[in-house]
């Protein structure tokens, strides 16, 4: 069974009425009241209508009040759920942004020896650390000074020392490497 309700409200002025000085806002919104009730029309299955009527009878309230309360509660629950989802999405986006920033910093830092075009075998007068692995290089010990092109004259470029294990192509300088034999090393 389908029920139909027809309600006519002539609350809004006609657009071509010369007395119409109101904006496109409905009268209740313009006044800030917002409590004027409107009638909505809907079609519901017969089973749902019977259940709503039975439930309303048990609560001793009109069906329209029951439906209004159910709709208000549903909208409130939806708003709360939406707020929670928005908060979770915002936190996830912030976390993603933080992780992306960390990754960019790691990529930009990359290999500290990547700018080095040559290494000079040196004996250290002061203790230092390997720029690649961070191992402590003691004063008086052997290290390799990385030579880089000066990027800017306005600030000093830090010295880059490397231990023997972190030298690039350290394995290619062994006698077993055919390329090393061809080059005479």
N, C-alpha and C. Protein backbone atom coordinates (compact mmCIF):
# COMPACT_ATOMS: atom_id res chain seq x y z
N UNK A 1 0.84 -1.17 0.00
CA UNK A 1 0.00 0.00 0.00
C UNK A 1 0.89 1.23 0.00
N UNK A 2 0.63 2.14 -0.87
CA UNK A 2 1.38 3.37 -0.93
C UNK A 2 0.46 4.52 -0.59
N UNK A 3 0.92 5.36 0.32
CA UNK A 3 0.11 6.53 0.68
C UNK A 3 0.75 7.77 0.11
N UNK A 4 -0.08 8.71 -0.24
CA UNK A 4 0.40 9.97 -0.79
C UNK A 4 -0.16 11.10 0.05
N UNK A 5 0.65 12.06 0.32
CA UNK A 5 0.21 13.25 1.04
C UNK A 5 0.54 14.45 0.17
N UNK A 6 -0.45 15.28 -0.07
CA UNK A 6 -0.22 16.48 -0.86
C UNK A 6 -0.47 17.68 0.03
N UNK A 7 0.52 18.51 0.15
CA UNK A 7 0.39 19.72 0.96
C UNK A 7 0.83 20.87 0.10
N UNK A 8 0.04 21.91 0.10
CA UNK A 8 0.38 23.09 -0.67
C UNK A 8 0.71 24.21 0.29
N UNK A 9 1.85 24.83 0.08
CA UNK A 9 2.23 25.98 0.88
C UNK A 9 2.54 27.11 -0.06
N UNK A 10 1.91 28.22 0.15
CA UNK A 10 2.17 29.38 -0.67
C UNK A 10 2.89 30.40 0.20
N UNK A 11 4.09 30.03 0.59
CA UNK A 11 4.86 30.84 1.50
C UNK A 11 5.85 31.72 0.75
N UNK A 12 6.26 31.29 -0.41
CA UNK A 12 7.28 32.02 -1.15
C UNK A 12 6.62 32.93 -2.18
N UNK A 13 7.09 34.16 -2.29
CA UNK A 13 6.51 35.06 -3.29
C UNK A 13 6.85 34.58 -4.69
N UNK A 14 5.98 34.86 -5.60
CA UNK A 14 6.23 34.48 -6.99
C UNK A 14 7.31 35.38 -7.56
N UNK A 15 8.17 34.85 -8.40
CA UNK A 15 9.28 35.64 -8.92
C UNK A 15 8.84 36.85 -9.74
N UNK A 16 7.70 36.76 -10.44
CA UNK A 16 7.28 37.87 -11.28
C UNK A 16 6.29 38.80 -10.56
N UNK A 17 6.13 38.62 -9.25
CA UNK A 17 5.25 39.47 -8.46
C UNK A 17 5.96 40.80 -8.19
N UNK A 18 5.36 41.96 -8.55
CA UNK A 18 6.03 43.25 -8.35
C UNK A 18 6.26 43.57 -6.87
N UNK A 19 5.50 42.97 -5.97
CA UNK A 19 5.69 43.21 -4.55
C UNK A 19 6.87 42.42 -4.00
N UNK A 20 7.42 41.55 -4.82
CA UNK A 20 8.49 40.67 -4.38
C UNK A 20 9.79 41.47 -4.23
N UNK A 21 10.17 41.74 -3.00
CA UNK A 21 11.44 42.40 -2.74
C UNK A 21 12.37 41.48 -1.99
N UNK A 22 11.91 40.27 -1.72
CA UNK A 22 12.71 39.32 -0.95
C UNK A 22 13.82 38.74 -1.82
N UNK A 23 14.80 38.24 -1.15
CA UNK A 23 15.90 37.58 -1.84
C UNK A 23 15.46 36.17 -2.19
N UNK A 24 16.36 35.40 -2.72
CA UNK A 24 16.02 34.02 -3.07
C UNK A 24 15.95 33.13 -1.84
N UNK A 25 16.31 33.65 -0.65
CA UNK A 25 16.22 32.87 0.59
C UNK A 25 14.77 32.67 0.97
N UNK A 26 14.40 31.51 1.47
CA UNK A 26 13.05 31.31 2.00
C UNK A 26 12.84 32.22 3.20
N UNK A 27 11.57 32.49 3.52
CA UNK A 27 11.24 33.44 4.58
C UNK A 27 11.80 33.02 5.93
N UNK A 28 11.77 31.73 6.25
CA UNK A 28 12.26 31.31 7.56
C UNK A 28 13.77 31.41 7.66
N UNK A 29 14.48 31.21 6.58
CA UNK A 29 15.93 31.33 6.61
C UNK A 29 16.35 32.78 6.69
N UNK A 30 15.63 33.63 6.00
CA UNK A 30 15.96 35.04 6.01
C UNK A 30 15.75 35.62 7.40
N UNK A 31 14.75 35.15 8.13
CA UNK A 31 14.49 35.68 9.46
C UNK A 31 15.42 35.08 10.50
N UNK A 32 16.16 34.03 10.14
CA UNK A 32 17.07 33.38 11.07
C UNK A 32 16.35 32.43 12.00
N UNK A 33 15.04 32.28 11.84
CA UNK A 33 14.25 31.42 12.73
C UNK A 33 14.64 29.96 12.51
N UNK A 34 14.47 29.46 11.29
CA UNK A 34 14.86 28.10 10.94
C UNK A 34 14.01 27.03 11.59
N UNK A 35 13.00 27.37 12.39
CA UNK A 35 12.20 26.37 13.08
C UNK A 35 10.87 26.12 12.41
N UNK A 36 10.56 26.84 11.36
CA UNK A 36 9.31 26.58 10.67
C UNK A 36 9.40 25.22 10.03
N UNK A 37 8.34 24.48 10.17
CA UNK A 37 8.36 23.11 9.66
C UNK A 37 7.85 23.05 8.23
N UNK A 38 8.38 22.12 7.50
CA UNK A 38 7.99 21.88 6.13
C UNK A 38 7.45 20.45 6.04
N UNK A 39 6.70 20.22 5.02
CA UNK A 39 6.15 18.89 4.80
C UNK A 39 6.89 18.27 3.63
N UNK A 40 7.38 17.05 3.85
CA UNK A 40 8.05 16.30 2.78
C UNK A 40 7.13 15.17 2.34
N UNK A 41 7.16 14.88 1.08
CA UNK A 41 6.36 13.78 0.54
C UNK A 41 7.32 12.65 0.23
N UNK A 42 6.90 11.46 0.54
CA UNK A 42 7.74 10.31 0.25
C UNK A 42 6.88 9.09 0.00
N UNK A 43 7.43 8.16 -0.72
CA UNK A 43 6.77 6.88 -0.95
C UNK A 43 7.52 5.84 -0.15
N UNK A 44 6.77 5.01 0.54
CA UNK A 44 7.39 3.95 1.33
C UNK A 44 6.69 2.65 1.04
N UNK A 45 7.37 1.55 1.13
CA UNK A 45 6.73 0.25 0.94
C UNK A 45 5.67 0.03 2.03
N UNK A 46 4.69 -0.76 1.73
CA UNK A 46 3.59 -1.03 2.66
C UNK A 46 4.11 -1.64 3.95
N UNK A 47 5.10 -2.49 3.87
CA UNK A 47 5.65 -3.13 5.06
C UNK A 47 6.27 -2.09 5.98
N UNK A 48 7.00 -1.14 5.40
CA UNK A 48 7.63 -0.09 6.20
C UNK A 48 6.56 0.80 6.84
N UNK A 49 5.50 1.09 6.09
CA UNK A 49 4.41 1.90 6.64
C UNK A 49 3.79 1.20 7.85
N UNK A 50 3.56 -0.08 7.74
CA UNK A 50 2.96 -0.84 8.85
C UNK A 50 3.90 -0.85 10.06
N UNK A 51 5.18 -1.02 9.81
CA UNK A 51 6.14 -1.04 10.91
C UNK A 51 6.22 0.33 11.59
N UNK A 52 6.22 1.40 10.79
CA UNK A 52 6.26 2.75 11.37
C UNK A 52 5.01 3.01 12.21
N UNK A 53 3.86 2.62 11.69
CA UNK A 53 2.60 2.81 12.44
C UNK A 53 2.60 2.00 13.73
N UNK A 54 3.05 0.76 13.66
CA UNK A 54 3.10 -0.09 14.85
C UNK A 54 4.05 0.49 15.89
N UNK A 55 5.21 0.93 15.43
CA UNK A 55 6.21 1.50 16.33
C UNK A 55 5.67 2.79 16.96
N UNK A 56 5.04 3.65 16.15
CA UNK A 56 4.46 4.90 16.65
C UNK A 56 3.36 4.61 17.67
N UNK A 57 2.52 3.62 17.39
CA UNK A 57 1.47 3.26 18.35
C UNK A 57 2.07 2.79 19.67
N UNK A 58 3.10 2.00 19.63
CA UNK A 58 3.76 1.52 20.84
C UNK A 58 4.34 2.67 21.66
N UNK A 59 4.86 3.69 20.96
CA UNK A 59 5.43 4.85 21.65
C UNK A 59 4.38 5.92 21.97
N UNK A 60 3.18 5.73 21.42
CA UNK A 60 2.07 6.67 21.60
C UNK A 60 2.44 8.07 21.08
N UNK A 61 3.00 8.08 19.90
CA UNK A 61 3.32 9.34 19.21
C UNK A 61 2.79 9.25 17.79
N UNK A 62 2.55 10.39 17.17
CA UNK A 62 2.12 10.35 15.77
C UNK A 62 3.24 9.83 14.86
N UNK A 63 2.85 9.22 13.77
CA UNK A 63 3.82 8.66 12.82
C UNK A 63 4.74 9.77 12.31
N UNK A 64 4.19 10.94 12.06
CA UNK A 64 5.01 12.04 11.53
C UNK A 64 6.11 12.43 12.53
N UNK A 65 5.77 12.45 13.83
CA UNK A 65 6.80 12.77 14.83
C UNK A 65 7.86 11.69 14.89
N UNK A 66 7.44 10.44 14.78
CA UNK A 66 8.39 9.33 14.78
C UNK A 66 9.34 9.43 13.59
N UNK A 67 8.78 9.67 12.42
CA UNK A 67 9.61 9.76 11.21
C UNK A 67 10.56 10.95 11.33
N UNK A 68 10.08 12.09 11.83
CA UNK A 68 10.92 13.27 12.00
C UNK A 68 12.08 12.96 12.95
N UNK A 69 11.77 12.31 14.07
CA UNK A 69 12.81 11.96 15.05
C UNK A 69 13.83 11.00 14.45
N UNK A 70 13.34 10.02 13.73
CA UNK A 70 14.25 9.05 13.09
C UNK A 70 15.17 9.77 12.10
N UNK A 71 14.60 10.66 11.30
CA UNK A 71 15.41 11.40 10.32
C UNK A 71 16.43 12.31 11.01
N UNK A 72 16.00 13.02 12.06
CA UNK A 72 16.94 13.89 12.78
C UNK A 72 18.08 13.08 13.38
N UNK A 73 17.74 11.94 14.00
CA UNK A 73 18.77 11.09 14.59
C UNK A 73 19.71 10.54 13.53
N UNK A 74 19.16 10.15 12.41
CA UNK A 74 19.99 9.61 11.33
C UNK A 74 20.95 10.68 10.80
N UNK A 75 20.45 11.91 10.66
CA UNK A 75 21.32 12.98 10.20
C UNK A 75 22.41 13.31 11.22
N UNK A 76 22.04 13.28 12.49
CA UNK A 76 23.03 13.54 13.54
C UNK A 76 24.12 12.47 13.54
N UNK A 77 23.71 11.21 13.42
CA UNK A 77 24.68 10.11 13.37
C UNK A 77 25.56 10.26 12.13
N UNK A 78 24.96 10.62 11.02
CA UNK A 78 25.74 10.79 9.78
C UNK A 78 26.74 11.93 9.95
N UNK A 79 26.34 13.02 10.60
CA UNK A 79 27.25 14.14 10.82
C UNK A 79 28.43 13.72 11.70
N UNK A 80 28.14 12.99 12.77
CA UNK A 80 29.20 12.53 13.66
C UNK A 80 30.15 11.59 12.91
N UNK A 81 29.58 10.68 12.16
CA UNK A 81 30.41 9.73 11.40
C UNK A 81 31.26 10.47 10.37
N UNK A 82 30.66 11.45 9.71
CA UNK A 82 31.40 12.24 8.73
C UNK A 82 32.54 13.00 9.39
N UNK A 83 32.27 13.59 10.55
CA UNK A 83 33.31 14.30 11.28
C UNK A 83 34.46 13.38 11.64
N UNK A 84 34.13 12.17 12.09
CA UNK A 84 35.17 11.21 12.45
C UNK A 84 35.99 10.80 11.23
N UNK A 85 35.31 10.55 10.13
CA UNK A 85 36.02 10.17 8.91
C UNK A 85 36.90 11.32 8.43
N UNK A 86 36.36 12.54 8.47
CA UNK A 86 37.16 13.70 8.06
C UNK A 86 38.41 13.84 8.94
N UNK A 87 38.25 13.65 10.24
CA UNK A 87 39.39 13.75 11.17
C UNK A 87 40.42 12.67 10.86
N UNK A 88 39.95 11.45 10.61
CA UNK A 88 40.88 10.37 10.27
C UNK A 88 41.61 10.66 8.97
N UNK A 89 40.87 11.14 7.98
CA UNK A 89 41.50 11.47 6.69
C UNK A 89 42.51 12.60 6.86
N UNK A 90 42.17 13.61 7.68
CA UNK A 90 43.08 14.72 7.90
C UNK A 90 44.37 14.22 8.57
N UNK A 91 44.21 13.36 9.61
CA UNK A 91 45.40 12.82 10.28
C UNK A 91 46.23 11.96 9.33
N UNK A 92 45.56 11.16 8.50
CA UNK A 92 46.29 10.33 7.55
C UNK A 92 47.04 11.19 6.54
N UNK A 93 46.40 12.27 6.08
CA UNK A 93 47.06 13.17 5.13
C UNK A 93 48.26 13.85 5.78
N UNK A 94 48.13 14.25 7.04
CA UNK A 94 49.25 14.87 7.75
C UNK A 94 50.40 13.88 7.91
N UNK A 95 50.06 12.64 8.26
CA UNK A 95 51.09 11.61 8.42
C UNK A 95 51.77 11.31 7.09
N UNK A 96 50.98 11.24 6.04
CA UNK A 96 51.54 11.01 4.71
C UNK A 96 52.47 12.15 4.31
N UNK A 97 52.06 13.38 4.60
CA UNK A 97 52.89 14.54 4.28
C UNK A 97 54.20 14.50 5.06
N UNK A 98 54.12 14.13 6.35
CA UNK A 98 55.34 14.04 7.16
C UNK A 98 56.28 12.96 6.63
N UNK A 99 55.72 11.81 6.27
CA UNK A 99 56.55 10.73 5.73
C UNK A 99 57.16 11.12 4.38
N UNK A 100 56.38 11.82 3.55
CA UNK A 100 56.89 12.27 2.26
C UNK A 100 58.04 13.26 2.46
N UNK A 101 57.90 14.15 3.46
CA UNK A 101 58.95 15.11 3.75
C UNK A 101 60.21 14.39 4.21
N UNK A 102 60.05 13.40 5.09
CA UNK A 102 61.21 12.62 5.55
C UNK A 102 61.90 11.93 4.38
N UNK A 103 61.09 11.34 3.49
CA UNK A 103 61.64 10.63 2.35
C UNK A 103 62.39 11.60 1.43
N UNK A 104 61.80 12.77 1.19
CA UNK A 104 62.48 13.77 0.36
C UNK A 104 63.82 14.17 0.96
N UNK A 105 63.83 14.35 2.29
CA UNK A 105 65.09 14.73 2.95
C UNK A 105 66.13 13.63 2.81
N UNK A 106 65.69 12.36 2.96
CA UNK A 106 66.64 11.25 2.80
C UNK A 106 67.17 11.18 1.38
N UNK A 107 66.29 11.39 0.41
CA UNK A 107 66.71 11.32 -0.99
C UNK A 107 67.64 12.48 -1.31
N UNK A 108 67.32 13.66 -0.79
CA UNK A 108 68.17 14.82 -1.06
C UNK A 108 69.54 14.65 -0.40
N UNK A 109 69.52 14.10 0.82
CA UNK A 109 70.80 13.85 1.48
C UNK A 109 71.57 12.81 0.70
N UNK A 110 70.89 11.73 0.38
CA UNK A 110 71.46 10.66 -0.44
C UNK A 110 72.84 10.25 0.00
N UNK A 111 73.69 10.03 -0.95
CA UNK A 111 75.06 9.63 -0.72
C UNK A 111 75.91 10.88 -0.55
N UNK A 112 76.52 11.07 0.63
CA UNK A 112 77.31 12.28 0.83
C UNK A 112 78.56 12.32 -0.06
N UNK A 113 78.94 11.18 -0.58
CA UNK A 113 80.13 11.13 -1.42
C UNK A 113 79.79 11.26 -2.92
N UNK A 114 78.53 11.49 -3.23
CA UNK A 114 78.12 11.55 -4.64
C UNK A 114 78.74 12.74 -5.37
N UNK A 115 79.03 13.84 -4.68
CA UNK A 115 79.62 15.02 -5.33
C UNK A 115 81.13 14.91 -5.49
N UNK A 116 81.74 13.90 -4.87
CA UNK A 116 83.20 13.75 -4.89
C UNK A 116 83.64 13.30 -6.28
N UNK A 117 84.65 14.00 -6.85
CA UNK A 117 85.16 13.59 -8.17
C UNK A 117 86.49 12.86 -8.06
N UNK A 118 87.14 12.92 -6.87
CA UNK A 118 88.40 12.19 -6.67
C UNK A 118 88.65 12.05 -5.18
N UNK A 119 89.49 11.08 -4.81
CA UNK A 119 89.88 10.88 -3.42
C UNK A 119 91.39 10.98 -3.32
N UNK A 120 91.86 11.67 -2.26
CA UNK A 120 93.29 11.82 -2.00
C UNK A 120 93.62 11.06 -0.73
N UNK A 121 94.57 10.14 -0.82
CA UNK A 121 95.01 9.38 0.35
C UNK A 121 95.75 10.34 1.28
N UNK A 122 95.28 10.43 2.54
CA UNK A 122 95.89 11.37 3.49
C UNK A 122 96.10 10.67 4.83
N UNK A 123 96.99 11.25 5.64
CA UNK A 123 97.15 10.86 7.04
C UNK A 123 96.50 11.96 7.86
N UNK A 124 95.57 11.61 8.69
CA UNK A 124 94.79 12.59 9.45
C UNK A 124 95.61 13.20 10.58
N UNK A 125 95.55 14.52 10.72
CA UNK A 125 96.17 15.20 11.86
C UNK A 125 95.17 15.33 13.00
N UNK A 126 93.89 15.27 12.68
CA UNK A 126 92.82 15.35 13.68
C UNK A 126 91.85 14.20 13.43
N UNK A 127 91.15 13.84 14.48
CA UNK A 127 90.13 12.80 14.32
C UNK A 127 89.00 13.31 13.43
N UNK A 128 88.38 12.43 12.70
CA UNK A 128 87.27 12.77 11.81
C UNK A 128 86.33 11.57 11.74
N UNK A 129 85.27 11.72 10.98
CA UNK A 129 84.33 10.62 10.79
C UNK A 129 84.17 10.39 9.29
N UNK A 130 83.96 9.15 8.94
CA UNK A 130 83.70 8.81 7.54
C UNK A 130 82.35 9.41 7.15
N UNK A 131 82.33 10.14 6.05
CA UNK A 131 81.09 10.80 5.60
C UNK A 131 80.05 9.78 5.17
N UNK A 132 80.45 8.60 4.77
CA UNK A 132 79.51 7.59 4.28
C UNK A 132 78.93 6.76 5.42
N UNK A 133 79.79 6.13 6.22
CA UNK A 133 79.30 5.19 7.24
C UNK A 133 79.37 5.74 8.65
N UNK A 134 80.10 6.84 8.86
CA UNK A 134 80.17 7.46 10.17
C UNK A 134 81.20 6.86 11.11
N UNK A 135 81.98 5.89 10.65
CA UNK A 135 83.00 5.28 11.51
C UNK A 135 84.04 6.35 11.89
N UNK A 136 84.52 6.27 13.14
CA UNK A 136 85.50 7.26 13.61
C UNK A 136 86.85 6.97 12.98
N UNK A 137 87.44 8.02 12.44
CA UNK A 137 88.78 7.94 11.84
C UNK A 137 89.72 8.67 12.79
N UNK A 138 90.68 7.95 13.38
CA UNK A 138 91.57 8.50 14.41
C UNK A 138 92.67 9.35 13.80
N UNK A 139 93.15 10.31 14.58
CA UNK A 139 94.30 11.15 14.19
C UNK A 139 95.50 10.23 14.00
N UNK A 140 96.27 10.48 12.96
CA UNK A 140 97.43 9.66 12.64
C UNK A 140 97.08 8.47 11.76
N UNK A 141 95.79 8.23 11.56
CA UNK A 141 95.36 7.10 10.75
C UNK A 141 95.20 7.50 9.29
N UNK A 142 95.04 6.50 8.46
CA UNK A 142 94.89 6.70 7.02
C UNK A 142 93.42 6.96 6.70
N UNK A 143 93.16 7.93 5.82
CA UNK A 143 91.81 8.24 5.36
C UNK A 143 91.91 8.76 3.94
N UNK A 144 90.76 8.99 3.35
CA UNK A 144 90.73 9.48 1.97
C UNK A 144 89.89 10.77 1.94
N UNK A 145 90.53 11.86 1.51
CA UNK A 145 89.87 13.16 1.43
C UNK A 145 89.13 13.23 0.10
N UNK A 146 87.82 13.51 0.18
CA UNK A 146 87.02 13.62 -1.03
C UNK A 146 87.13 15.02 -1.61
N UNK A 147 87.49 15.11 -2.87
CA UNK A 147 87.62 16.40 -3.54
C UNK A 147 86.33 16.70 -4.30
N UNK A 148 85.79 17.88 -4.03
CA UNK A 148 84.53 18.29 -4.66
C UNK A 148 84.71 19.67 -5.28
N UNK A 149 83.92 19.95 -6.29
CA UNK A 149 83.90 21.30 -6.85
C UNK A 149 83.20 22.21 -5.86
N UNK A 150 83.73 23.42 -5.72
CA UNK A 150 83.10 24.38 -4.81
C UNK A 150 81.74 24.76 -5.38
N UNK A 151 80.69 24.58 -4.60
CA UNK A 151 79.34 24.90 -5.03
C UNK A 151 79.10 26.39 -4.92
N UNK A 152 79.58 26.97 -3.83
CA UNK A 152 79.34 28.38 -3.57
C UNK A 152 80.52 28.93 -2.80
N UNK A 153 80.93 30.13 -3.15
CA UNK A 153 82.04 30.75 -2.43
C UNK A 153 81.56 31.45 -1.17
N UNK A 154 80.24 31.62 -1.01
CA UNK A 154 79.71 32.33 0.15
C UNK A 154 79.72 31.46 1.41
N UNK A 155 79.78 30.17 1.26
CA UNK A 155 79.85 29.33 2.46
C UNK A 155 80.85 28.21 2.21
N UNK A 156 81.52 27.81 3.27
CA UNK A 156 82.55 26.79 3.17
C UNK A 156 81.92 25.43 2.96
N UNK A 157 82.52 24.65 2.11
CA UNK A 157 82.07 23.28 1.88
C UNK A 157 82.77 22.40 2.91
N UNK A 158 82.03 21.60 3.66
CA UNK A 158 82.70 20.75 4.66
C UNK A 158 83.60 19.72 3.98
N UNK A 159 84.68 19.39 4.69
CA UNK A 159 85.59 18.37 4.16
C UNK A 159 84.92 17.00 4.27
N UNK A 160 85.11 16.21 3.26
CA UNK A 160 84.54 14.86 3.24
C UNK A 160 85.66 13.85 3.31
N UNK A 161 85.67 13.08 4.41
CA UNK A 161 86.64 12.00 4.55
C UNK A 161 85.90 10.68 4.42
N UNK A 162 86.61 9.71 3.85
CA UNK A 162 86.03 8.37 3.70
C UNK A 162 87.03 7.35 4.21
N UNK A 163 86.51 6.28 4.78
CA UNK A 163 87.37 5.17 5.17
C UNK A 163 87.61 4.30 3.93
N UNK A 164 88.54 3.42 4.00
CA UNK A 164 88.87 2.58 2.84
C UNK A 164 87.68 1.71 2.41
N UNK A 165 86.87 1.27 3.37
CA UNK A 165 85.74 0.41 3.04
C UNK A 165 84.65 1.15 2.26
N UNK A 166 84.57 2.47 2.43
CA UNK A 166 83.50 3.23 1.78
C UNK A 166 83.93 3.87 0.46
N UNK A 167 85.15 3.64 0.04
CA UNK A 167 85.59 4.19 -1.24
C UNK A 167 84.77 3.58 -2.36
N UNK A 168 84.29 4.38 -3.29
CA UNK A 168 83.57 3.80 -4.43
C UNK A 168 84.53 2.94 -5.25
N UNK A 169 83.97 1.92 -5.82
CA UNK A 169 84.74 1.01 -6.66
C UNK A 169 85.88 0.36 -5.92
N UNK A 170 85.74 0.19 -4.60
CA UNK A 170 86.80 -0.46 -3.82
C UNK A 170 87.02 -1.89 -4.32
N UNK A 171 85.95 -2.58 -4.70
CA UNK A 171 86.11 -3.94 -5.19
C UNK A 171 86.73 -3.95 -6.59
N UNK A 172 86.51 -2.91 -7.37
CA UNK A 172 87.03 -2.91 -8.75
C UNK A 172 88.53 -2.68 -8.78
N UNK A 173 89.13 -2.32 -7.64
CA UNK A 173 90.57 -2.08 -7.62
C UNK A 173 91.33 -3.33 -7.20
N UNK A 174 90.65 -4.44 -7.06
CA UNK A 174 91.32 -5.68 -6.69
C UNK A 174 91.88 -6.33 -7.94
N UNK A 175 92.95 -7.10 -7.82
CA UNK A 175 93.58 -7.73 -8.99
C UNK A 175 92.68 -8.70 -9.73
N UNK A 176 91.61 -9.23 -9.09
CA UNK A 176 90.75 -10.17 -9.78
C UNK A 176 89.87 -9.50 -10.83
N UNK A 177 89.75 -8.20 -10.78
CA UNK A 177 88.88 -7.46 -11.71
C UNK A 177 89.62 -7.28 -13.04
N UNK A 178 89.10 -7.80 -14.16
CA UNK A 178 89.77 -7.68 -15.45
C UNK A 178 89.94 -6.23 -15.89
N UNK A 179 89.00 -5.35 -15.58
CA UNK A 179 89.13 -3.95 -15.98
C UNK A 179 90.31 -3.31 -15.26
N UNK A 180 90.50 -3.68 -14.01
CA UNK A 180 91.62 -3.12 -13.26
C UNK A 180 92.93 -3.59 -13.83
N UNK A 181 93.01 -4.84 -14.32
CA UNK A 181 94.23 -5.37 -14.92
C UNK A 181 94.54 -4.64 -16.22
N UNK A 182 93.49 -4.32 -17.00
CA UNK A 182 93.70 -3.63 -18.28
C UNK A 182 94.24 -2.22 -18.05
N UNK A 183 93.81 -1.58 -16.97
CA UNK A 183 94.25 -0.22 -16.67
C UNK A 183 95.61 -0.20 -15.99
N UNK A 184 96.14 -1.38 -15.67
CA UNK A 184 97.45 -1.46 -15.06
C UNK A 184 97.43 -1.26 -13.56
N UNK A 185 96.29 -1.41 -12.94
CA UNK A 185 96.22 -1.27 -11.47
C UNK A 185 96.08 -2.61 -10.81
